[in-house]
Structure formats: C-alpha cells, structure tokens
Amino acid sequence: MNGDHERDTALAQAVRLREEGRAAEARGRLVTLAERYPRDARIAYQTAWVHDVLGLESEAVPYYERALDLPGLPQEDRHGAFLGLGSTYRVLGRYEPALRTLRSGLAEFPHDAALESFLAMALYNTGQGREAVRTLLRALAATSGDSRVRSYRRAIEHYADDLDATE
C-alpha cells in the first residue's frame, strides 16, 4: 500500500507542476514515473499530456496509446486520451489514425461535441468536407446555447444530412 501512496503522491505533484506552468519540470518527473510504472494508465496519460503541452506531439503519441491500451484509466481521463491522441495524430498529419482514434472515442462517448469537433477537422484534412460540415452542424445543433440556433435545431439537423436540400 505504501508504494501506491508514493506513486499517487508523485503523480499528483507532477500534475500540479504542469498546472502551475512548470511543464518541463513536470515532464522530467512524469517520464521517470512512466519508466518506473509502465503499466499505469494514469501516469501514461499525464505523461502524454505534458508532452503535448510542451509541443512535443511525436513524443506524446506512445504515452497516449499506452494509456488507452492499459486498464484503469478513469473515464474523464480516457475521454481526454482519445481527444489528445486524435488531435495529436491530426497535428502530425497522421489523418487516418486520427480518424480511427476519434471515432473510437465517439463509440465510447457518443455525441461528444469536443470529439466531434476534432473529428470534423480530421475529416476536412482528408478531403471529406461534406462529412466535416455535417458533423459540425450536428454538434452545433445538439450543444448550442444560442436561442436562435436552438429554435432552428430540427432544421439544422435535417439539412446536416442533406446539405444540398433546398426545401
């Protein structure tokens, strides 16, 4: 039990460093923790996240992949890992893995507007502009707090499926 407490304390301290804007220091601690605890999904996720914060997207990828492959990642972090990995793949120009990852995330978190937004960007990057617009329109209709958008929700959803409809 003591080892778990030490691991959890070290992880919490590293996360706090990242949150305080001390990402480089957090990265050093998290990489060490990830080496020491290679089967800990939470540590892998936080290590990926800190690499993204530092603009080290290529280095973030294996940690995101590990976080998603291992058991024990809390749902909120799992959502963040799908979003982070999908977005990172897209930034790196790896569009097909981005699409797969974001769609896998949506399979676990249906109708999630953040995942749908990043999916729309990846769809656009792969030349699927119609599907990208459809995805964004559906997310807008479902999540907008704007009263005018809400009043036209049914129409927006209808036209999202048939962008060329005129009636």
C-alpha atoms as a PDB file:
ATOM      1  CA  MET A   1       0.000   0.000   0.000  1.00  0.00           C
ATOM      2  CA  ASN A   2       2.877   2.359   0.763  1.00  0.00           C
ATOM      3  CA  GLY A   3       4.162   2.031  -2.820  1.00  0.00           C
ATOM      4  CA  ASP A   4       0.753   3.003  -4.166  1.00  0.00           C
ATOM      5  CA  HIS A   5       0.675   6.047  -1.898  1.00  0.00           C
ATOM      6  CA  GLU A   6       4.163   7.117  -3.008  1.00  0.00           C
ATOM      7  CA  ARG A   7       3.227   6.666  -6.686  1.00  0.00           C
ATOM      8  CA  ASP A   8      -0.023   8.598  -6.264  1.00  0.00           C
ATOM      9  CA  THR A   9       1.722  11.401  -4.384  1.00  0.00           C
ATOM     10  CA  ALA A  10       4.465  11.678  -7.020  1.00  0.00           C
ATOM     11  CA  LEU A  11       1.839  11.728  -9.794  1.00  0.00           C
ATOM     12  CA  ALA A  12      -0.190  14.417  -8.030  1.00  0.00           C
ATOM     13  CA  GLN A  13       2.925  16.554  -7.568  1.00  0.00           C
ATOM     14  CA  ALA A  14       3.846  16.251 -11.254  1.00  0.00           C
ATOM     15  CA  VAL A  15       0.316  17.171 -12.348  1.00  0.00           C
ATOM     16  CA  ARG A  16       0.402  20.177 -10.030  1.00  0.00           C
ATOM     17  CA  LEU A  17       3.669  21.307 -11.619  1.00  0.00           C
ATOM     18  CA  ARG A  18       2.077  21.133 -15.079  1.00  0.00           C
ATOM     19  CA  GLU A  19      -0.959  23.040 -13.867  1.00  0.00           C
ATOM     20  CA  GLU A  20       1.328  25.714 -12.385  1.00  0.00           C
ATOM     21  CA  GLY A  21       3.011  26.220 -15.756  1.00  0.00           C
ATOM     22  CA  ARG A  22       6.139  24.247 -14.872  1.00  0.00           C
ATOM     23  CA  ALA A  23       5.645  21.712 -17.647  1.00  0.00           C
ATOM     24  CA  ALA A  24       9.322  20.986 -18.302  1.00  0.00           C
ATOM     25  CA  GLU A  25       9.851  20.058 -14.655  1.00  0.00           C
ATOM     26  CA  ALA A  26       6.643  18.012 -14.680  1.00  0.00           C
ATOM     27  CA  ARG A  27       7.808  16.211 -17.824  1.00  0.00           C
ATOM     28  CA  GLY A  28      11.013  15.048 -16.140  1.00  0.00           C
ATOM     29  CA  ARG A  29       9.108  13.646 -13.202  1.00  0.00           C
ATOM     30  CA  LEU A  30       6.424  12.033 -15.354  1.00  0.00           C
ATOM     31  CA  VAL A  31       8.894  10.342 -17.698  1.00  0.00           C
ATOM     32  CA  THR A  32      10.643   8.872 -14.667  1.00  0.00           C
ATOM     33  CA  LEU A  33       7.301   7.693 -13.258  1.00  0.00           C
ATOM     34  CA  ALA A  34       6.299   6.204 -16.627  1.00  0.00           C
ATOM     35  CA  GLU A  35       9.551   4.245 -16.726  1.00  0.00           C
ATOM     36  CA  ARG A  36       9.064   3.048 -13.156  1.00  0.00           C
ATOM     37  CA  TYR A  37       5.358   2.208 -13.635  1.00  0.00           C
ATOM     38  CA  PRO A  38       4.961   1.219 -17.303  1.00  0.00           C
ATOM     39  CA  ARG A  39       1.578  -0.466 -16.632  1.00  0.00           C
ATOM     40  CA  ASP A  40      -0.061   2.574 -15.015  1.00  0.00           C
ATOM     41  CA  ALA A  41      -2.560   4.139 -17.435  1.00  0.00           C
ATOM     42  CA  ARG A  42      -2.956   7.325 -15.380  1.00  0.00           C
ATOM     43  CA  ILE A  43       0.764   8.015 -15.436  1.00  0.00           C
ATOM     44  CA  ALA A  44       0.923   7.291 -19.173  1.00  0.00           C
ATOM     45  CA  TYR A  45      -1.942   9.722 -19.808  1.00  0.00           C
ATOM     46  CA  GLN A  46      -0.409  12.513 -17.736  1.00  0.00           C
ATOM     47  CA  THR A  47       2.959  11.928 -19.429  1.00  0.00           C
ATOM     48  CA  ALA A  48       1.314  12.235 -22.844  1.00  0.00           C
ATOM     49  CA  TRP A  49      -0.492  15.388 -21.782  1.00  0.00           C
ATOM     50  CA  VAL A  50       2.660  17.120 -20.575  1.00  0.00           C
ATOM     51  CA  HIS A  51       4.418  16.313 -23.851  1.00  0.00           C
ATOM     52  CA  ASP A  52       1.527  17.922 -25.733  1.00  0.00           C
ATOM     53  CA  VAL A  53       1.706  20.999 -23.502  1.00  0.00           C
ATOM     54  CA  LEU A  54       5.379  21.333 -24.420  1.00  0.00           C
ATOM     55  CA  GLY A  55       4.697  20.938 -28.150  1.00  0.00           C
ATOM     56  CA  LEU A  56       6.355  17.514 -28.221  1.00  0.00           C
ATOM     57  CA  GLU A  57       3.499  15.805 -30.055  1.00  0.00           C
ATOM     58  CA  SER A  58       5.530  12.937 -31.522  1.00  0.00           C
ATOM     59  CA  GLU A  59       6.759  12.029 -28.056  1.00  0.00           C
ATOM     60  CA  ALA A  60       3.207  12.196 -26.660  1.00  0.00           C
ATOM     61  CA  VAL A  61       1.813   9.548 -29.025  1.00  0.00           C
ATOM     62  CA  PRO A  62       3.222   6.376 -27.413  1.00  0.00           C
ATOM     63  CA  TYR A  63       2.110   7.534 -23.977  1.00  0.00           C
ATOM     64  CA  TYR A  64      -1.438   8.227 -25.214  1.00  0.00           C
ATOM     65  CA  GLU A  65      -1.506   4.836 -26.909  1.00  0.00           C
ATOM     66  CA  ARG A  66      -0.302   3.146 -23.732  1.00  0.00           C
ATOM     67  CA  ALA A  67      -2.884   4.992 -21.630  1.00  0.00           C
ATOM     68  CA  LEU A  68      -5.703   3.781 -23.875  1.00  0.00           C
ATOM     69  CA  ASP A  69      -4.375   0.216 -24.072  1.00  0.00           C
ATOM     70  CA  LEU A  70      -3.994  -0.280 -20.322  1.00  0.00           C
ATOM     71  CA  PRO A  71      -6.824  -0.857 -17.841  1.00  0.00           C
ATOM     72  CA  GLY A  72      -7.566   1.538 -15.020  1.00  0.00           C
ATOM     73  CA  LEU A  73      -7.845   4.911 -16.729  1.00  0.00           C
ATOM     74  CA  PRO A  74     -10.754   6.895 -15.231  1.00  0.00           C
ATOM     75  CA  GLN A  75     -13.495   7.769 -17.747  1.00  0.00           C
ATOM     76  CA  GLU A  76     -12.726  11.502 -17.819  1.00  0.00           C
ATOM     77  CA  ASP A  77      -9.058  10.777 -18.497  1.00  0.00           C
ATOM     78  CA  ARG A  78      -9.978   8.143 -21.081  1.00  0.00           C
ATOM     79  CA  HIS A  79     -12.040  10.768 -22.885  1.00  0.00           C
ATOM     80  CA  GLY A  80      -9.076  13.159 -22.687  1.00  0.00           C
ATOM     81  CA  ALA A  81      -6.746  10.486 -24.054  1.00  0.00           C
ATOM     82  CA  PHE A  82      -8.956   9.872 -27.095  1.00  0.00           C
ATOM     83  CA  LEU A  83      -9.177  13.609 -27.695  1.00  0.00           C
ATOM     84  CA  GLY A  84      -5.471  14.191 -27.099  1.00  0.00           C
ATOM     85  CA  LEU A  85      -4.299  11.289 -29.261  1.00  0.00           C
ATOM     86  CA  GLY A  86      -6.729  12.048 -32.083  1.00  0.00           C
ATOM     87  CA  SER A  87      -5.767  15.713 -32.071  1.00  0.00           C
ATOM     88  CA  THR A  88      -2.060  14.896 -31.872  1.00  0.00           C
ATOM     89  CA  TYR A  89      -2.258  12.485 -34.804  1.00  0.00           C
ATOM     90  CA  ARG A  90      -4.046  15.207 -36.805  1.00  0.00           C
ATOM     91  CA  VAL A  91      -1.432  17.841 -35.960  1.00  0.00           C
ATOM     92  CA  LEU A  92       1.266  15.391 -37.063  1.00  0.00           C
ATOM     93  CA  GLY A  93      -0.515  14.864 -40.399  1.00  0.00           C
ATOM     94  CA  ARG A  94      -1.428  11.288 -39.498  1.00  0.00           C
ATOM     95  CA  TYR A  95      -5.043  11.715 -40.557  1.00  0.00           C
ATOM     96  CA  GLU A  96      -6.189   8.100 -40.842  1.00  0.00           C
ATOM     97  CA  PRO A  97      -5.061   7.220 -37.292  1.00  0.00           C
ATOM     98  CA  ALA A  98      -6.688  10.478 -36.151  1.00  0.00           C
ATOM     99  CA  LEU A  99      -9.992   9.440 -37.714  1.00  0.00           C
ATOM    100  CA  ARG A 100      -9.795   5.942 -36.192  1.00  0.00           C
ATOM    101  CA  THR A 101      -8.952   7.283 -32.744  1.00  0.00           C
ATOM    102  CA  LEU A 102     -11.638   9.956 -32.715  1.00  0.00           C
ATOM    103  CA  ARG A 103     -14.253   7.505 -33.979  1.00  0.00           C
ATOM    104  CA  SER A 104     -13.227   5.039 -31.267  1.00  0.00           C
ATOM    105  CA  GLY A 105     -13.623   7.833 -28.744  1.00  0.00           C
ATOM    106  CA  LEU A 106     -17.095   8.593 -30.081  1.00  0.00           C
ATOM    107  CA  ALA A 107     -18.006   4.911 -29.796  1.00  0.00           C
ATOM    108  CA  GLU A 108     -17.321   5.186 -26.055  1.00  0.00           C
ATOM    109  CA  PHE A 109     -18.567   8.771 -25.664  1.00  0.00           C
ATOM    110  CA  PRO A 110     -21.395   9.139 -28.198  1.00  0.00           C
ATOM    111  CA  HIS A 111     -22.348  12.621 -29.368  1.00  0.00           C
ATOM    112  CA  ASP A 112     -19.452  14.261 -27.519  1.00  0.00           C
ATOM    113  CA  ALA A 113     -19.120  17.701 -29.092  1.00  0.00           C
ATOM    114  CA  ALA A 114     -15.380  18.017 -28.440  1.00  0.00           C
ATOM    115  CA  LEU A 115     -14.607  14.677 -30.083  1.00  0.00           C
ATOM    116  CA  GLU A 116     -16.967  15.521 -32.950  1.00  0.00           C
ATOM    117  CA  SER A 117     -15.220  18.873 -33.480  1.00  0.00           C
ATOM    118  CA  PHE A 118     -11.804  17.274 -33.760  1.00  0.00           C
ATOM    119  CA  LEU A 119     -13.252  14.543 -35.971  1.00  0.00           C
ATOM    120  CA  ALA A 120     -14.620  17.255 -38.261  1.00  0.00           C
ATOM    121  CA  MET A 121     -11.151  18.792 -38.542  1.00  0.00           C
ATOM    122  CA  ALA A 122      -9.618  15.418 -39.434  1.00  0.00           C
ATOM    123  CA  LEU A 123     -12.396  14.783 -41.957  1.00  0.00           C
ATOM    124  CA  TYR A 124     -11.646  18.135 -43.561  1.00  0.00           C
ATOM    125  CA  ASN A 125      -7.940  17.244 -43.684  1.00  0.00           C
ATOM    126  CA  THR A 126      -8.762  14.051 -45.579  1.00  0.00           C
ATOM    127  CA  GLY A 127     -10.875  15.865 -48.158  1.00  0.00           C
ATOM    128  CA  GLN A 128     -14.186  14.861 -46.606  1.00  0.00           C
ATOM    129  CA  GLY A 129     -15.554  18.392 -46.347  1.00  0.00           C
ATOM    130  CA  ARG A 130     -19.212  17.403 -46.642  1.00  0.00           C
ATOM    131  CA  GLU A 131     -18.926  14.946 -43.747  1.00  0.00           C
ATOM    132  CA  ALA A 132     -16.944  17.519 -41.738  1.00  0.00           C
ATOM    133  CA  VAL A 133     -19.686  20.134 -42.133  1.00  0.00           C
ATOM    134  CA  ARG A 134     -22.384  17.578 -41.333  1.00  0.00           C
ATOM    135  CA  THR A 135     -20.541  16.578 -38.154  1.00  0.00           C
ATOM    136  CA  LEU A 136     -20.113  20.185 -37.047  1.00  0.00           C
ATOM    137  CA  LEU A 137     -23.727  21.103 -37.789  1.00  0.00           C
ATOM    138  CA  ARG A 138     -24.991  18.160 -35.755  1.00  0.00           C
ATOM    139  CA  ALA A 139     -22.719  19.090 -32.846  1.00  0.00           C
ATOM    140  CA  LEU A 140     -23.817  22.726 -33.065  1.00  0.00           C
ATOM    141  CA  ALA A 141     -27.498  21.802 -33.124  1.00  0.00           C
ATOM    142  CA  ALA A 142     -27.110  19.462 -30.171  1.00  0.00           C
ATOM    143  CA  THR A 143     -24.992  21.669 -27.919  1.00  0.00           C
ATOM    144  CA  SER A 144     -25.591  25.319 -28.744  1.00  0.00           C
ATOM    145  CA  GLY A 145     -26.823  27.573 -26.004  1.00  0.00           C
ATOM    146  CA  ASP A 146     -27.774  30.222 -28.526  1.00  0.00           C
ATOM    147  CA  SER A 147     -31.560  30.666 -28.529  1.00  0.00           C
ATOM    148  CA  ARG A 148     -31.736  31.210 -32.278  1.00  0.00           C
ATOM    149  CA  VAL A 149     -29.719  28.084 -33.037  1.00  0.00           C
ATOM    150  CA  ARG A 150     -31.921  26.130 -30.607  1.00  0.00           C
ATOM    151  CA  SER A 151     -35.068  27.391 -32.336  1.00  0.00           C
ATOM    152  CA  TYR A 152     -33.774  26.065 -35.668  1.00  0.00           C
ATOM    153  CA  ARG A 153     -32.340  22.830 -34.282  1.00  0.00           C
ATOM    154  CA  ARG A 154     -34.633  20.495 -36.233  1.00  0.00           C
ATOM    155  CA  ALA A 155     -33.936  22.323 -39.496  1.00  0.00           C
ATOM    156  CA  ILE A 156     -30.178  22.336 -38.886  1.00  0.00           C
ATOM    157  CA  GLU A 157     -30.221  18.608 -38.140  1.00  0.00           C
ATOM    158  CA  HIS A 158     -32.308  17.950 -41.243  1.00  0.00           C
ATOM    159  CA  TYR A 159     -30.054  19.934 -43.556  1.00  0.00           C
ATOM    160  CA  ALA A 160     -26.916  18.486 -41.964  1.00  0.00           C
ATOM    161  CA  ASP A 161     -27.941  15.185 -43.555  1.00  0.00           C
ATOM    162  CA  ASP A 162     -28.731  16.768 -46.914  1.00  0.00           C
ATOM    163  CA  LEU A 163     -26.642  19.881 -47.435  1.00  0.00           C
ATOM    164  CA  ASP A 164     -27.948  20.277 -50.975  1.00  0.00           C
ATOM    165  CA  ALA A 165     -31.636  20.288 -49.981  1.00  0.00           C
ATOM    166  CA  THR A 166     -33.424  23.468 -50.962  1.00  0.00           C
ATOM    167  CA  GLU A 167     -36.820  22.838 -49.364  1.00  0.00           C
END
